[in-house]
Protein backbone atom coordinates (compact mmCIF):
# COMPACT_ATOMS: atom_id res chain seq x y z
CA UNK A 1 -54.41 -85.13 25.51
CA UNK A 2 -50.47 -84.30 23.91
CA UNK A 3 -47.88 -85.28 26.48
CA UNK A 4 -44.53 -83.82 26.58
CA UNK A 5 -42.69 -85.76 25.40
CA UNK A 6 -44.76 -85.55 22.77
CA UNK A 7 -44.28 -81.51 22.03
CA UNK A 8 -40.74 -82.30 22.09
CA UNK A 9 -40.89 -84.22 20.19
CA UNK A 10 -42.47 -82.38 17.68
CA UNK A 11 -41.09 -79.19 18.33
CA UNK A 12 -37.30 -81.59 17.38
CA UNK A 13 -38.23 -82.08 14.99
CA UNK A 14 -39.60 -79.09 13.34
CA UNK A 15 -36.23 -77.30 14.79
CA UNK A 16 -34.38 -79.66 12.38
CA UNK A 17 -36.89 -79.77 8.69
CA UNK A 18 -35.82 -75.68 9.12
CA UNK A 19 -32.46 -76.64 10.29
CA UNK A 20 -32.30 -78.84 6.95
CA UNK A 21 -34.29 -76.09 4.76
CA UNK A 22 -32.72 -72.85 5.29
CA UNK A 23 -29.60 -72.61 3.76
CA UNK A 24 -26.79 -71.30 6.46
CA UNK A 25 -26.02 -68.33 4.19
CA UNK A 26 -28.12 -67.04 1.91
CA UNK A 27 -27.07 -66.28 -1.73
CA UNK A 28 -28.06 -63.06 -3.45
CA UNK A 29 -28.29 -63.79 -7.27
CA UNK A 30 -28.84 -61.71 -10.19
CA UNK A 31 -26.49 -59.40 -8.96
CA UNK A 32 -25.18 -56.19 -11.91
CA UNK A 33 -21.89 -56.46 -11.57
CA UNK A 34 -19.38 -54.01 -13.46
CA UNK A 35 -15.85 -54.54 -15.32
CA UNK A 36 -15.46 -50.53 -16.45
CA UNK A 37 -11.08 -50.29 -15.31
CA UNK A 38 -8.67 -52.22 -13.68
CA UNK A 39 -9.67 -50.53 -10.94
CA UNK A 40 -12.89 -51.72 -10.90
CA UNK A 41 -14.52 -54.76 -11.94
CA UNK A 42 -14.96 -58.43 -10.46
CA UNK A 43 -14.91 -61.83 -11.00
CA UNK A 44 -16.17 -64.98 -9.66
CA UNK A 45 -14.96 -67.53 -7.51
CA UNK A 46 -15.99 -70.66 -4.29
CA UNK A 47 -18.27 -68.89 -1.81
CA UNK A 48 -15.69 -69.80 0.48
CA UNK A 49 -11.49 -70.49 0.96
CA UNK A 50 -10.02 -73.42 -1.58
CA UNK A 51 -13.31 -74.63 -2.88
CA UNK A 52 -12.17 -75.83 -6.53
CA UNK A 53 -13.27 -73.85 -9.09
CA UNK A 54 -15.89 -76.19 -11.38
CA UNK A 55 -17.28 -77.41 -8.07
CA UNK A 56 -19.05 -73.92 -7.34
CA UNK A 57 -19.71 -73.04 -10.46
CA UNK A 58 -23.75 -73.23 -9.90
CA UNK A 59 -23.00 -71.33 -6.04
CA UNK A 60 -20.14 -68.64 -6.82
CA UNK A 61 -20.44 -65.22 -5.01
CA UNK A 62 -18.89 -62.65 -6.53
CA UNK A 63 -15.56 -61.00 -5.30
CA UNK A 64 -15.05 -56.97 -6.69
CA UNK A 65 -11.79 -54.85 -6.74
CA UNK A 66 -14.64 -52.62 -4.42
CA UNK A 67 -18.16 -54.19 -3.03
CA UNK A 68 -20.71 -52.93 -5.72
CA UNK A 69 -23.32 -54.34 -4.85
CA UNK A 70 -25.29 -56.83 -2.22
CA UNK A 71 -23.65 -60.38 -2.71
CA UNK A 72 -20.29 -58.89 -3.08
CA UNK A 73 -17.09 -59.39 -1.20
CA UNK A 74 -14.48 -57.39 -1.74
CA UNK A 75 -10.92 -59.59 -3.43
CA UNK A 76 -8.58 -60.91 -0.57
CA UNK A 77 -5.71 -58.94 -0.46
CA UNK A 78 -3.19 -59.75 -2.26
CA UNK A 79 -5.40 -62.25 -4.69
CA UNK A 80 -4.80 -60.15 -7.84
CA UNK A 81 -1.81 -59.11 -9.29
CA UNK A 82 -2.35 -58.33 -12.51
CA UNK A 83 -5.15 -56.27 -14.86
CA UNK A 84 -5.44 -55.45 -17.64
CA UNK A 85 -8.79 -53.59 -19.32
CA UNK A 86 -9.98 -53.17 -22.52
CA UNK A 87 -12.88 -52.73 -24.08
CA UNK A 88 -14.97 -52.15 -27.81
CA UNK A 89 -18.04 -50.67 -28.22
CA UNK A 90 -19.97 -54.43 -27.80
CA UNK A 91 -17.12 -56.01 -24.74
CA UNK A 92 -15.64 -54.56 -21.98
CA UNK A 93 -13.48 -57.44 -20.15
CA UNK A 94 -10.23 -57.69 -17.07
CA UNK A 95 -8.09 -60.91 -18.02
CA UNK A 96 -4.56 -61.03 -15.75
CA UNK A 97 -2.87 -62.89 -12.65
CA UNK A 98 -3.81 -64.30 -9.06
CA UNK A 99 -1.94 -65.66 -5.99
CA UNK A 100 -3.72 -68.03 -5.66
CA UNK A 101 -2.58 -68.51 -2.52
CA UNK A 102 -4.90 -65.36 -1.10
CA UNK A 103 -7.46 -67.90 -1.62
CA UNK A 104 -5.98 -70.89 -0.47
CA UNK A 105 -7.12 -71.86 -4.13
CA UNK A 106 -5.10 -75.53 -5.15
CA UNK A 107 -2.28 -75.15 -7.23
CA UNK A 108 -3.59 -78.37 -8.75
CA UNK A 109 -6.81 -77.08 -9.72
CA UNK A 110 -7.43 -76.15 -13.69
CA UNK A 111 -9.58 -74.45 -13.40
CA UNK A 112 -13.25 -73.66 -14.30
CA UNK A 113 -15.78 -71.29 -16.13
CA UNK A 114 -19.40 -69.15 -14.56
CA UNK A 115 -21.17 -67.27 -17.46
CA UNK A 116 -24.86 -66.45 -17.65
CA UNK A 117 -25.99 -69.58 -18.01
CA UNK A 118 -24.84 -71.51 -14.48
CA UNK A 119 -27.41 -70.89 -11.15
CA UNK A 120 -26.26 -68.42 -10.39
CA UNK A 121 -27.65 -66.10 -13.23
CA UNK A 122 -26.66 -61.85 -13.42
CA UNK A 123 -25.81 -59.26 -15.42
CA UNK A 124 -22.12 -57.54 -16.11
CA UNK A 125 -22.55 -53.74 -17.36
CA UNK A 126 -26.19 -54.12 -17.50
CA UNK A 127 -25.47 -57.68 -20.01
CA UNK A 128 -27.04 -60.30 -20.17
CA UNK A 129 -23.89 -62.02 -21.43
CA UNK A 130 -20.68 -62.43 -19.59
CA UNK A 131 -18.44 -64.96 -19.48
CA UNK A 132 -15.17 -66.02 -16.38
CA UNK A 133 -12.83 -67.85 -16.44
CA UNK A 134 -10.88 -68.64 -13.21
CA UNK A 135 -7.42 -70.90 -13.76
CA UNK A 136 -5.55 -70.74 -10.04
CA UNK A 137 -3.02 -73.33 -11.73
CA UNK A 138 -1.75 -70.72 -14.38
CA UNK A 139 -3.04 -67.48 -12.17
CA UNK A 140 -4.74 -66.18 -14.35
CA UNK A 141 -7.83 -64.97 -14.34
CA UNK A 142 -10.23 -63.08 -16.99
CA UNK A 143 -14.08 -61.90 -17.17
CA UNK A 144 -15.69 -60.23 -20.31
CA UNK A 145 -19.84 -58.69 -20.16
CA UNK A 146 -21.37 -58.98 -24.15
CA UNK A 147 -24.12 -56.73 -25.19
CA UNK A 148 -24.57 -60.54 -27.47
CA UNK A 149 -23.69 -63.81 -26.67
CA UNK A 150 -22.00 -64.02 -30.44
CA UNK A 151 -19.29 -61.98 -28.38
CA UNK A 152 -18.51 -64.39 -25.20
CA UNK A 153 -17.41 -67.49 -25.73
CA UNK A 154 -19.81 -69.74 -23.51
CA UNK A 155 -19.61 -73.10 -23.15
CA UNK A 156 -15.15 -73.81 -24.19
CA UNK A 157 -14.27 -73.18 -20.28
CA UNK A 158 -11.57 -76.63 -21.95
CA UNK A 159 -9.95 -73.64 -24.27
CA UNK A 160 -8.92 -71.87 -20.59
CA UNK A 161 -8.91 -68.75 -20.80
CA UNK A 162 -6.14 -66.95 -23.56
CA UNK A 163 -8.35 -68.74 -26.41
CA UNK A 164 -12.10 -67.60 -24.21
CA UNK A 165 -11.01 -63.66 -23.67
CA UNK A 166 -8.08 -63.20 -25.38
CA UNK A 167 -5.84 -60.06 -23.46
CA UNK A 168 -2.55 -59.77 -21.84
CA UNK A 169 -2.04 -62.22 -19.07
CA UNK A 170 1.41 -61.19 -18.16
């Protein structure tokens, strides 16, 4: 016969196991974000305000000018200061400036790179290749959606936005 103490212990153990196994915030992976103009684009950021850019490379979430799909969020008011769109037949990009304080990013955070090779996956404008850098210490960001992998400079985050995604950062 099973005692009340044993039943309580079993339920408590199950509760602990389930609470550790289930994430508090379910992340939607493989989102198709869009970068189509200065008024419609996204950039990945850490899931919580004040997070470190590089530390969030595996769990960043897309923030957009307008909510585009399940799993995207809207940029905090005033976060994007300037945005410059350009495109060719093989890529589309937005480059510009941010106000890091609007998402509580650190002035000493040198930034990092999010791309289609990170655990977050997804596509950009339907392309399988994309690269996105955010540099809080410089208050700049960039994102490029690429038809061909050769148009996206992946794996070169130490170069920064201005070399990985040349464009207008004024």
